[in-house]
Amino acid sequence: MLLSKAYIEDYHYIKLLIHESEMHLVDIESLFISNKYDRLQLFVFKIEQFGDTFHINTTLKGRILLHTDYYLELKENVRLHVNLGQIMRTERFDVENYYDGPLGVEYTKEYSIFRVWSPVAKELKLVIGKNVNELVKYELNFIEQGLWELKLLGDYDNYLYHYEVRVDLEYKKTLDPYALSSTTDSSENYIIDPEKIYNFKHNVPAFSGDYLDSVIYELHLRDLNDENKDSSYLALIDKLAYIKDLGITHLQIMPLNAFGGILEDEKNTPYNWGYNPVEFNVPTGWYASDASNGYVRVNELREMIDEIHHHGLNINLDVVYNHVYVAGTYSLNVLVPGYVYRTDMHGFMTNGSGCGTDVASERRMNRRYIIDSLKHWVKFYNVDGFRFDLMGLIDFETLHQARKELLAIKSNMMFYGEGWNLSTGLPETKRSTINNYWALPNFAYFNDVFRN
């Protein structure tokens, strides 16, 4: 097994890390990389030695196809796989691979279409079945701009699924970033039939849209479930008349999406606020009566929100888009490693969130995902507003665009959050901090100076 490595750092920049014991395999004057379509010559422009490794910096002429495997051709018929380097963090990558079409599962009783975005995947497989003992694999097809797609005929309602993706040489399991539901502890995703979900019965109560007319009550669902009912979603319903009598207009509920740090089928696991996002569009099963059932968490949450509206209250959802719980297993990072997170000038992930996984909201597909997720909570769950955790880590252009698109769906929504100025790899002039309030004139901020 070779000790040397090769990386695609940019569209015309390949970096070779050649161990001194393997330098005899390298012909500096005749270096080539090849894929199944083409063979491209590399031209050396700098060689440095650090310890026992030679850093050979090369440029090339030609087009790199990131969804194909490249190999560095060495002497003695030796080939070295060229792995992905920093290319995913380049401006060109961000521009060329932006995709604005449908993603996730498009379900009908006659067929289902599976769509995933990964410009750098070499292979992408759907793993699907009625249960974990009957899983079958299907190859997705690369289309363009990072889109992979597969159409399966038949009715796949309530089927389990996940994806296997190969970016370099190793296959990795990942969930669907656009999934609607999951099994216990987000081990698999569920396909659900929109015709089987709880139907809203009540209108959203009127609100002027003037934030000064709101009285907001923050709560954690487990705190309100003092009778230890199976479903914390439904347990809240019994408390709504009392809460309404307090004179409030809006409930601000702490994160409801699937989060880590708990076991969803053990309701008495250690207390957790929910700021450990694992899946952004899937409700947590910890508050549901049956975490293993893909429909239960969805329907119980929809019923809870419907009853909140029935009692004359609006719901503002506490959302966490500034970081994720585990960097390596987060679905978008598995699909496009190196793209999701913000890094410093040395390539190390920044840590303004205190979690080591600051999301680079300014990158186009990250921005699209955040906006898509917010719109999902409004369209699918009828949420009335958002409170943004560590909002200062998110670029204000993303939140400005999100507000514009959300108000086109529901005109009297509320937007506010924590505008702290935290150290991250984003210029201070682009952060959604209270100092940049002028950039988001229709957002409200928690004021830590006033509080202190």
Protein backbone atom coordinates (compact mmCIF):
# COMPACT_ATOMS: atom_id res chain seq x y z
CA MET A 1 0.00 0.00 0.00
CA LEU A 2 1.40 3.37 -1.03
CA LEU A 3 2.30 5.98 1.58
CA SER A 4 1.92 8.82 -0.94
CA LYS A 5 -1.22 10.86 -1.58
CA ALA A 6 -2.57 13.10 -4.33
CA TYR A 7 -5.27 15.77 -4.00
CA ILE A 8 -7.37 17.93 -6.32
CA GLU A 9 -6.98 21.37 -4.72
CA ASP A 10 -8.47 23.45 -7.55
CA TYR A 11 -9.58 23.02 -11.13
CA HIS A 12 -6.00 23.46 -12.38
CA TYR A 13 -4.05 22.54 -9.26
CA ILE A 14 -3.11 19.01 -8.18
CA LYS A 15 -0.96 18.54 -5.08
CA LEU A 16 1.16 15.40 -4.70
CA LEU A 17 2.44 14.31 -1.29
CA ILE A 18 5.12 11.78 -2.17
CA HIS A 19 6.85 9.83 0.58
CA GLU A 20 10.62 9.87 0.18
CA SER A 21 10.69 6.07 -0.04
CA GLU A 22 8.45 6.28 -3.14
CA MET A 23 10.11 9.18 -4.99
CA HIS A 24 11.73 6.66 -7.34
CA LEU A 25 8.26 6.07 -8.81
CA VAL A 26 7.89 9.71 -9.84
CA ASP A 27 9.06 11.11 -13.18
CA ILE A 28 8.89 14.87 -12.66
CA GLU A 29 9.09 15.51 -16.41
CA SER A 30 6.29 13.11 -17.28
CA LEU A 31 3.41 13.25 -14.81
CA PHE A 32 -0.13 12.39 -15.90
CA ILE A 33 -3.52 11.87 -14.32
CA SER A 34 -6.24 9.94 -16.11
CA ASN A 35 -9.88 8.99 -15.80
CA LYS A 36 -12.03 6.78 -18.03
CA TYR A 37 -12.43 9.62 -20.54
CA ASP A 38 -9.16 11.51 -20.68
CA ARG A 39 -5.45 11.74 -19.83
CA LEU A 40 -4.08 15.07 -18.59
CA GLN A 41 -0.46 16.08 -18.16
CA LEU A 42 0.71 17.73 -14.94
CA PHE A 43 3.32 20.48 -14.92
CA VAL A 44 5.37 20.96 -11.74
CA PHE A 45 5.76 24.54 -10.50
CA LYS A 46 7.07 24.01 -6.96
CA ILE A 47 8.63 21.21 -4.90
CA GLU A 48 9.08 21.43 -1.12
CA GLN A 49 10.13 18.85 1.43
CA PHE A 50 8.59 18.63 4.89
CA GLY A 51 10.03 15.83 6.96
CA ASP A 52 9.89 12.59 4.97
CA THR A 53 7.36 13.90 2.41
CA PHE A 54 7.87 15.84 -0.81
CA HIS A 55 5.09 18.32 -1.63
CA ILE A 56 4.95 18.49 -5.42
CA ASN A 57 2.66 21.28 -6.62
CA THR A 58 1.42 20.89 -10.18
CA THR A 59 -0.87 22.60 -12.63
CA LEU A 60 -2.72 21.13 -15.61
CA LYS A 61 -4.57 22.04 -18.77
CA GLY A 62 -7.94 20.47 -19.36
CA ARG A 63 -11.25 19.96 -17.64
CA ILE A 64 -11.60 18.09 -14.36
CA LEU A 65 -14.78 15.99 -14.05
CA LEU A 66 -15.33 15.72 -10.32
CA HIS A 67 -17.81 12.83 -10.51
CA THR A 68 -15.15 10.54 -12.06
CA ASP A 69 -12.11 8.81 -10.56
CA TYR A 70 -8.65 10.12 -11.45
CA TYR A 71 -5.41 8.23 -10.98
CA LEU A 72 -1.86 9.54 -10.91
CA GLU A 73 0.28 7.46 -13.27
CA LEU A 74 3.59 6.46 -11.69
CA LYS A 75 6.47 4.28 -12.84
CA GLU A 76 6.36 0.46 -12.73
CA ASN A 77 2.67 0.54 -13.71
CA VAL A 78 1.74 1.93 -10.30
CA ARG A 79 -1.37 4.12 -10.03
CA LEU A 80 -2.33 6.38 -7.14
CA HIS A 81 -5.93 7.47 -6.64
CA VAL A 82 -6.33 11.24 -6.72
CA ASN A 83 -8.52 12.27 -3.79
CA LEU A 84 -10.55 15.42 -3.35
CA GLY A 85 -8.76 18.28 -1.64
CA GLN A 86 -9.86 21.87 -1.14
CA ILE A 87 -11.60 22.24 -4.49
CA MET A 88 -15.06 22.12 -2.86
CA ARG A 89 -14.29 25.39 -1.08
CA THR A 90 -13.46 27.33 -4.25
CA GLU A 91 -15.73 30.01 -5.68
CA ARG A 92 -15.82 28.24 -9.04
CA PHE A 93 -17.09 25.02 -7.45
CA ASP A 94 -19.81 26.98 -5.67
CA VAL A 95 -20.95 28.69 -8.87
CA GLU A 96 -20.70 25.82 -11.34
CA ASN A 97 -22.39 23.23 -9.14
CA TYR A 98 -25.35 25.25 -7.92
CA TYR A 99 -28.54 23.28 -8.58
CA ASP A 100 -32.02 24.72 -8.11
CA GLY A 101 -34.20 21.79 -9.15
CA PRO A 102 -36.10 19.28 -6.97
CA LEU A 103 -34.29 17.20 -4.34
CA GLY A 104 -35.41 14.45 -1.98
CA VAL A 105 -38.05 11.81 -2.72
CA GLU A 106 -40.92 12.50 -5.07
CA TYR A 107 -43.51 9.91 -4.03
CA THR A 108 -46.57 8.63 -5.88
CA LYS A 109 -48.37 5.31 -5.57
CA GLU A 110 -47.14 4.39 -9.07
CA TYR A 111 -43.48 5.39 -8.73
CA SER A 112 -40.94 7.25 -6.62
CA ILE A 113 -38.09 9.45 -7.85
CA PHE A 114 -34.99 9.80 -5.67
CA ARG A 115 -32.81 12.90 -6.15
CA VAL A 116 -29.55 13.72 -4.38
CA TRP A 117 -27.00 16.52 -4.83
CA SER A 118 -23.34 15.49 -4.82
CA PRO A 119 -21.05 16.89 -7.55
CA VAL A 120 -18.12 14.89 -6.17
CA ALA A 121 -19.64 11.42 -5.74
CA LYS A 122 -18.21 8.72 -7.99
CA GLU A 123 -20.98 6.27 -7.18
CA LEU A 124 -24.26 6.74 -5.33
CA LYS A 125 -26.56 3.89 -4.34
CA LEU A 126 -30.05 3.81 -2.90
CA VAL A 127 -30.52 1.17 -0.19
CA ILE A 128 -34.24 0.51 0.33
CA GLY A 129 -36.59 -2.09 1.80
CA LYS A 130 -39.69 -2.80 3.87
CA ASN A 131 -37.43 -3.48 6.85
CA VAL A 132 -33.69 -3.66 7.60
CA ASN A 133 -33.62 -7.37 6.71
CA GLU A 134 -34.95 -6.82 3.18
CA LEU A 135 -32.77 -4.01 1.89
CA VAL A 136 -32.00 -3.83 -1.84
CA LYS A 137 -29.45 -1.59 -3.59
CA TYR A 138 -30.01 0.46 -6.75
CA GLU A 139 -27.53 2.66 -8.61
CA LEU A 140 -28.45 6.33 -9.09
CA ASN A 141 -27.48 8.04 -12.34
CA PHE A 142 -25.43 11.22 -12.53
CA ILE A 143 -27.37 13.89 -14.46
CA GLU A 144 -25.69 17.32 -14.23
CA GLN A 145 -24.65 20.03 -11.73
CA GLY A 146 -24.24 17.44 -9.01
CA LEU A 147 -27.69 15.87 -9.43
CA TRP A 148 -28.03 12.09 -9.08
CA GLU A 149 -31.41 10.56 -9.85
CA LEU A 150 -33.27 7.25 -9.85
CA LYS A 151 -36.89 6.37 -10.68
CA LEU A 152 -38.39 3.21 -9.19
CA LEU A 153 -41.75 1.91 -10.36
CA GLY A 154 -44.17 0.70 -7.68
CA ASP A 155 -45.55 1.88 -4.34
CA TYR A 156 -42.80 2.54 -1.79
CA ASP A 157 -44.95 4.01 0.96
CA ASN A 158 -43.45 3.42 4.42
CA TYR A 159 -40.26 1.90 3.03
CA LEU A 160 -36.96 2.43 4.83
CA TYR A 161 -34.08 3.91 2.88
CA HIS A 162 -30.64 5.47 3.03
CA TYR A 163 -27.81 6.09 0.57
CA GLU A 164 -24.32 4.73 0.09
CA VAL A 165 -21.93 7.20 -1.49
CA ARG A 166 -18.38 6.80 -2.73
CA VAL A 167 -16.48 10.08 -3.01
CA ASP A 168 -12.91 8.73 -3.02
CA LEU A 169 -12.36 4.98 -2.52
CA GLU A 170 -14.55 4.26 0.51
CA TYR A 171 -18.32 3.75 0.55
CA LYS A 172 -20.14 5.62 3.32
CA LYS A 173 -23.71 5.40 4.53
CA THR A 174 -25.71 8.61 4.70
CA LEU A 175 -29.26 9.78 5.19
CA ASP A 176 -31.29 11.92 2.81
CA PRO A 177 -30.90 15.62 3.74
CA TYR A 178 -34.42 16.21 2.38
CA ALA A 179 -36.08 13.26 4.13
CA LEU A 180 -39.47 13.81 5.77
CA SER A 181 -39.24 11.15 8.47
CA SER A 182 -36.91 8.62 10.08
CA THR A 183 -36.66 5.52 12.20
CA THR A 184 -35.55 5.64 15.84
CA ASP A 185 -32.39 7.72 16.35
CA SER A 186 -32.19 8.57 12.63
CA SER A 187 -30.75 5.20 11.64
CA GLU A 188 -32.84 5.08 8.44
CA ASN A 189 -35.20 7.41 6.59
CA TYR A 190 -38.86 6.70 5.84
CA ILE A 191 -40.83 7.40 2.69
CA ILE A 192 -44.26 8.76 3.58
CA ASP A 193 -47.43 9.26 1.58
CA PRO A 194 -48.68 12.88 1.83
CA GLU A 195 -52.25 11.60 1.70
CA LYS A 196 -51.76 9.78 5.02
CA ILE A 197 -50.64 12.73 7.11
CA TYR A 198 -52.81 14.60 9.63
CA ASN A 199 -54.95 17.23 7.92
CA PHE A 200 -55.07 20.68 9.51
CA LYS A 201 -58.58 21.60 10.68
CA HIS A 202 -58.13 25.09 12.11
CA ASN A 203 -57.14 28.48 10.75
CA VAL A 204 -54.01 30.32 11.80
CA PRO A 205 -55.00 33.07 14.28
CA ALA A 206 -54.71 36.64 13.08
CA PHE A 207 -51.58 38.60 13.94
CA SER A 208 -50.82 42.16 12.90
CA GLY A 209 -47.22 41.39 11.97
CA ASP A 210 -46.05 44.16 14.32
CA TYR A 211 -43.59 42.55 16.73
CA LEU A 212 -44.64 44.98 19.47
CA ASP A 213 -48.05 43.32 19.46
CA SER A 214 -46.55 39.92 20.37
CA VAL A 215 -46.17 38.34 23.79
CA ILE A 216 -43.85 35.34 23.44
CA TYR A 217 -43.72 32.34 25.78
CA GLU A 218 -40.69 30.05 25.43
CA LEU A 219 -41.08 26.40 26.30
CA HIS A 220 -39.48 22.97 26.06
CA LEU A 221 -41.92 20.19 25.25
CA ARG A 222 -40.54 17.75 27.79
CA ASP A 223 -40.93 20.37 30.55
CA LEU A 224 -44.65 20.60 29.80
CA ASN A 225 -45.11 16.81 29.82
CA ASP A 226 -45.22 16.58 33.61
CA GLU A 227 -47.53 13.57 33.51
CA ASN A 228 -44.99 11.59 31.45
CA LYS A 229 -47.41 10.85 28.66
CA ASP A 230 -46.10 8.78 25.77
CA SER A 231 -46.24 11.78 23.42
CA SER A 232 -44.87 15.15 24.48
CA TYR A 233 -46.34 16.56 21.26
CA LEU A 234 -49.86 15.64 22.31
CA ALA A 235 -49.26 16.34 26.02
CA LEU A 236 -48.89 20.04 25.20
CA ILE A 237 -52.46 20.21 23.93
CA ASP A 238 -53.84 19.79 27.46
CA LYS A 239 -51.80 22.81 28.62
CA LEU A 240 -52.81 25.22 25.85
CA ALA A 241 -55.88 26.68 27.56
CA TYR A 242 -53.80 27.58 30.62
CA ILE A 243 -51.01 29.06 28.47
CA LYS A 244 -53.51 31.10 26.48
CA ASP A 245 -54.93 32.53 29.71
CA LEU A 246 -51.50 33.95 30.52
CA GLY A 247 -52.15 36.57 27.86
CA ILE A 248 -49.54 35.45 25.34
CA THR A 249 -49.82 35.51 21.55
CA HIS A 250 -46.93 33.28 20.44
CA LEU A 251 -45.39 30.04 21.67
CA GLN A 252 -41.63 29.82 21.04
CA ILE A 253 -40.82 26.11 21.15
CA MET A 254 -37.25 24.88 21.49
CA PRO A 255 -35.91 22.75 18.60
CA LEU A 256 -38.26 20.08 17.28
CA ASN A 257 -36.11 18.60 14.51
CA ALA A 258 -34.23 15.32 15.05
CA PHE A 259 -31.31 15.96 17.39
CA GLY A 260 -28.55 13.96 19.04
CA GLY A 261 -27.54 13.45 22.65
CA ILE A 262 -30.60 11.35 23.50
CA LEU A 263 -32.10 7.93 22.76
CA GLU A 264 -35.44 8.59 21.08
CA ASP A 265 -37.17 5.47 22.42
CA GLU A 266 -36.04 6.13 26.00
CA LYS A 267 -38.04 9.09 27.23
CA ASN A 268 -36.11 9.34 30.49
CA THR A 269 -32.68 9.67 28.91
CA PRO A 270 -30.64 12.68 30.09
CA TYR A 271 -32.31 16.03 29.57
CA ASN A 272 -31.46 17.76 26.30
CA TRP A 273 -32.56 21.13 24.93
CA GLY A 274 -32.31 19.99 21.31
CA TYR A 275 -29.44 22.13 19.98
CA ASN A 276 -27.66 19.10 18.50
CA PRO A 277 -29.12 18.99 14.97
CA VAL A 278 -28.87 15.65 13.15
CA GLU A 279 -31.68 16.04 10.59
CA PHE A 280 -33.15 19.45 9.84
CA ASN A 281 -36.48 18.51 8.23
CA VAL A 282 -37.42 15.49 10.34
CA PRO A 283 -39.26 15.92 13.66
CA THR A 284 -37.56 14.32 16.63
CA GLY A 285 -38.95 10.96 17.70
CA TRP A 286 -38.09 11.68 21.34
CA TYR A 287 -41.33 13.63 21.73
CA ALA A 288 -43.44 11.10 19.78
CA SER A 289 -45.38 8.18 21.22
CA ASP A 290 -43.59 5.78 18.85
CA ALA A 291 -40.17 6.82 17.56
CA SER A 292 -39.93 3.78 15.29
CA ASN A 293 -43.01 4.69 13.23
CA GLY A 294 -42.36 7.13 10.39
CA TYR A 295 -45.87 8.57 10.45
CA VAL A 296 -46.38 9.01 14.21
CA ARG A 297 -43.86 11.81 14.81
CA VAL A 298 -45.10 13.70 11.73
CA ASN A 299 -48.79 13.39 12.54
CA GLU A 300 -48.47 14.13 16.25
CA LEU A 301 -46.48 17.28 15.56
CA ARG A 302 -48.96 18.45 12.93
CA GLU A 303 -51.85 17.82 15.34
CA MET A 304 -50.06 19.73 18.11
CA ILE A 305 -49.51 22.77 15.86
CA ASP A 306 -53.11 22.59 14.65
CA GLU A 307 -54.31 22.71 18.26
CA ILE A 308 -51.97 25.60 19.06
CA HIS A 309 -53.70 27.54 16.30
CA HIS A 310 -57.11 26.35 17.49
CA HIS A 311 -56.40 27.94 20.86
CA GLY A 312 -55.66 31.29 19.23
CA LEU A 313 -51.89 31.09 19.49
CA ASN A 314 -49.10 31.33 16.92
CA ILE A 315 -46.00 29.16 16.96
CA ASN A 316 -42.42 30.37 16.51
CA LEU A 317 -39.92 27.56 16.07
CA ASP A 318 -36.43 27.71 17.55
CA VAL A 319 -34.08 26.63 14.75
CA VAL A 320 -30.37 25.77 14.68
CA TYR A 321 -28.75 26.21 11.26
CA ASN A 322 -25.37 27.54 12.43
CA HIS A 323 -23.86 24.13 13.29
CA VAL A 324 -24.50 20.38 13.29
CA TYR A 325 -24.09 17.76 16.00
CA VAL A 326 -21.43 15.48 14.46
CA ALA A 327 -19.32 16.81 11.60
CA GLY A 328 -18.36 13.52 9.99
CA THR A 329 -21.78 11.87 9.84
CA TYR A 330 -23.95 14.85 8.84
CA SER A 331 -25.57 13.88 5.53
CA LEU A 332 -24.57 16.90 3.41
CA ASN A 333 -20.97 16.57 4.57
CA VAL A 334 -20.88 12.87 3.69
CA LEU A 335 -22.25 13.68 0.24
CA VAL A 336 -19.95 16.67 -0.37
CA PRO A 337 -17.08 16.51 2.14
CA GLY A 338 -15.30 19.79 2.76
CA TYR A 339 -18.15 21.94 1.46
CA VAL A 340 -20.55 22.32 4.37
CA TYR A 341 -18.32 23.80 7.07
CA ARG A 342 -16.58 27.13 7.40
CA THR A 343 -12.78 27.04 7.63
CA ASP A 344 -10.00 29.45 8.53
CA MET A 345 -7.03 30.43 6.36
CA HIS A 346 -5.23 27.21 7.31
CA GLY A 347 -8.16 24.97 6.37
CA PHE A 348 -9.22 24.19 9.93
CA MET A 349 -12.93 24.27 10.76
CA THR A 350 -13.97 27.37 12.69
CA ASN A 351 -15.65 27.14 16.08
CA GLY A 352 -17.78 30.21 16.70
CA SER A 353 -20.64 27.93 17.71
CA GLY A 354 -18.58 26.12 20.34
CA CYS A 355 -19.40 22.89 18.52
CA GLY A 356 -16.58 22.92 15.97
CA THR A 357 -18.96 22.64 13.02
CA ASP A 358 -19.84 26.19 11.91
CA VAL A 359 -21.96 25.89 8.78
CA ALA A 360 -20.81 28.01 5.81
CA SER A 361 -24.22 29.51 5.16
CA GLU A 362 -22.75 31.84 2.55
CA ARG A 363 -22.07 28.96 0.13
CA ARG A 364 -24.83 28.65 -2.40
CA MET A 365 -26.07 25.13 -1.77
CA ASN A 366 -25.84 25.57 2.00
CA ARG A 367 -27.89 28.75 1.61
CA ARG A 368 -30.38 26.95 -0.57
CA TYR A 369 -30.70 24.13 1.96
CA ILE A 370 -31.33 26.47 4.89
CA ILE A 371 -34.01 28.33 2.94
CA ASP A 372 -35.58 25.10 1.68
CA SER A 373 -35.69 23.77 5.24
CA LEU A 374 -37.34 26.91 6.61
CA LYS A 375 -39.93 26.81 3.82
CA HIS A 376 -40.58 23.14 4.62
CA TRP A 377 -41.46 24.00 8.24
CA VAL A 378 -43.86 26.67 7.06
CA LYS A 379 -45.51 24.73 4.24
CA PHE A 380 -45.60 21.28 5.84
CA TYR A 381 -46.06 22.18 9.53
CA ASN A 382 -47.69 25.63 9.32
CA VAL A 383 -45.10 27.34 11.53
CA ASP A 384 -45.62 31.10 12.01
CA GLY A 385 -42.12 32.39 12.77
CA PHE A 386 -38.52 31.52 13.61
CA ARG A 387 -36.10 32.20 16.42
CA PHE A 388 -32.54 31.67 15.14
CA ASP A 389 -29.95 30.16 17.44
CA LEU A 390 -26.56 31.95 17.21
CA MET A 391 -27.88 34.00 14.32
CA GLY A 392 -24.65 36.01 14.17
CA LEU A 393 -22.89 33.00 12.63
CA ILE A 394 -25.24 33.06 9.62
CA ASP A 395 -24.56 35.50 6.78
CA PHE A 396 -27.25 38.15 6.45
CA GLU A 397 -27.81 37.59 2.72
CA THR A 398 -29.09 34.08 3.49
CA LEU A 399 -31.53 35.36 6.11
CA HIS A 400 -32.60 38.28 3.93
CA GLN A 401 -33.42 35.89 1.07
CA ALA A 402 -35.11 33.46 3.46
CA ARG A 403 -37.41 36.16 4.83
CA LYS A 404 -38.34 37.30 1.33
CA GLU A 405 -39.32 33.78 0.24
CA LEU A 406 -41.10 32.94 3.49
CA LEU A 407 -43.24 36.08 3.45
CA ALA A 408 -44.44 35.05 0.00
CA ILE A 409 -45.92 31.98 1.73
CA LYS A 410 -47.19 33.58 4.95
CA SER A 411 -47.28 37.36 5.25
CA ASN A 412 -47.25 37.96 9.02
CA MET A 413 -44.31 35.86 10.14
CA MET A 414 -41.81 36.77 12.87
CA PHE A 415 -38.01 36.56 12.54
CA TYR A 416 -35.58 37.13 15.40
CA GLY A 417 -32.55 35.59 17.03
CA GLU A 418 -29.24 35.77 18.84
CA GLY A 419 -27.16 38.42 17.10
CA TRP A 420 -23.96 37.72 19.01
CA ASN A 421 -20.72 38.54 17.19
CA LEU A 422 -18.78 35.26 17.42
CA SER A 423 -15.44 34.37 15.86
CA THR A 424 -15.96 32.48 12.60
CA GLY A 425 -14.51 32.44 9.10
CA LEU A 426 -16.98 35.01 7.81
CA PRO A 427 -16.17 38.76 7.63
CA GLU A 428 -17.87 40.70 10.41
CA THR A 429 -19.49 42.92 7.78
CA LYS A 430 -21.47 39.93 6.48
CA ARG A 431 -22.66 38.43 9.77
CA SER A 432 -26.25 38.65 11.04
CA THR A 433 -25.16 40.39 14.22
CA ILE A 434 -26.89 43.14 16.13
CA ASN A 435 -24.16 45.51 14.89
CA ASN A 436 -25.36 44.80 11.35
CA TYR A 437 -29.04 45.36 12.18
CA TRP A 438 -29.29 47.71 9.18
CA ALA A 439 -28.81 44.74 6.81
CA LEU A 440 -31.84 42.90 8.25
CA PRO A 441 -34.26 45.71 9.09
CA ASN A 442 -37.21 43.37 9.65
CA PHE A 443 -35.41 41.05 12.07
CA ALA A 444 -35.42 41.45 15.83
CA TYR A 445 -32.41 40.71 18.04
CA PHE A 446 -31.86 39.55 21.57
CA ASN A 447 -29.85 42.37 23.17
CA ASP A 448 -27.18 40.98 25.47
CA VAL A 449 -25.94 44.48 26.41
CA PHE A 450 -29.41 45.49 27.63
CA ARG A 451 -29.83 42.13 29.36
CA ASN A 452 -26.52 42.35 31.21
